[in-house]
Amino acid sequence: MTIQLPGADGTLRAYEPRTEPLAVAAGTSFTSRTVFAAAHVVADPFADVSPDAPAAVDWDATLAFRRHLWAHGLGVAEAMDTAQRGMGLDWTGAAELIRRSAAEARAVGGRIACGVGTDQITGGTLAEIRAAYEEQLALVEDSGAQAVLMASRALAATATGPEDYLEVYGHLLRQATAPVVLHWLGPMFDPALTGYWGADDLDAATDVFLEIIAAHPDKVDGVKVSLLEAGRETDLRRRLPRGVRCYTGDDFHYPELIAGDAHGFSHALLGVFDPLGPLAAQAVRLLDTGDTAGFRALLDPTVALSRHLFQAPTRFYKTGVVFLAWLAGHQDHFAMVGGLQSARSLPHFARAYELADGLGLFPDPKLAEDRMKTLLALYGVTR
């Protein structure tokens, strides 16, 4: 049985879906790497809300997906970019998400880290930005989760140079009760973060970033780097103080960065591990046994899908992530907070389906095929 998929040129082509999924099993956490999947939120499709209204979240389905990730040994990176922070999910919704997910993590013994930002304000003085960060840091620490200090749009708009970043982050690190993860999100993910750390030049920005870490190495568990430049991440990784981890956020080069080289390796905090969760977990378990070749053989073929999902405009990768969650049966609908299901084209969805199906990511390939056909019919593809 074939399915007709539209290409970028507007023509239909026949694709034959696979009939069996990739065989993967749930398992415990890993011994060689610390791995987080940045998780998406499931919208309430029956909520009568407009795209610019506060998000309506299906909490049961959202928490069920986190249990799915924990069951495979992955940590959950909560209330971060993949959860549509600043793109449909406001701070009120994110705060509730953090409380609920942290409680669920305690109940099942899952590892969780949560995003700390300033999205309850749109701008302000450095003092107001510090206060916004402090409010969120207190909530995350009170929940029992590890804090991820995310890049701030408000700080990017207000800071006049590197000294403002040094002051704000130094203040927060002195206050943190436990080591945090510092998050550097590149402008391809959020154009409002252009020039972060007080410099447009990435070499100069890296020096400021390292200066912050060097001043407080006991308060920095690691750094999460999302610049989509493997060489830059590797260079940064080698310059980190001893004991400070690098969590790759590079959704283009993650297999080689996690595998590492003679000088070290990256851990992972990745949005693409939301749809790749079970497969990624199986690959890391091979790495735990020292089987780097087996790890690469399993994970390298996923890069084509990841590059497709994260293609420019990269910030809309969340749409593909939620689309695959629907096809995989993790939720009953393809609706997103903020109406973001409209952010990608039908040919983009068709290619994402084809690549994910080819990898065996769908637990029920027939369900995925039927849902893909439903979407195609909605767009007028009737053959």
Foldseek 3Di string as FASTA:
>chain_A
DWDWAAAPVGHTDTDDFDFAFDDFAFDAAFDPFAAEAAAEFAADPPDPDALPDATHGPVVLRLVLCVVLVRNHHAYEAPDLLNVDVHQHAPVNRLVRLLVNLVSCVVVVGAYEYEAEQRVDQADALVSRLVSSVVRLVSNVVSVHAYEYEDYLRCLVHDQALVSVLVSLLVVLVPHPAAHEYEDADCLQPVSCQCPSGGNDVVVSLVSVQVSCVVRVRRHQEYEYAPLDVVVQVVSQLPHPPRYAYAYANLQPQLDQQLDDPRDHHHHYYNVCSLVSRQLSVLSNCVSVVNSVSSCVSCVLCNVLSCLLCPPSNNLSSLLSLLSCCLQPSDVDNAHRSRSVPVDDSNSNSVNLSSCSVSSSRNRRVSSVVVNVVVCVVVPNDD
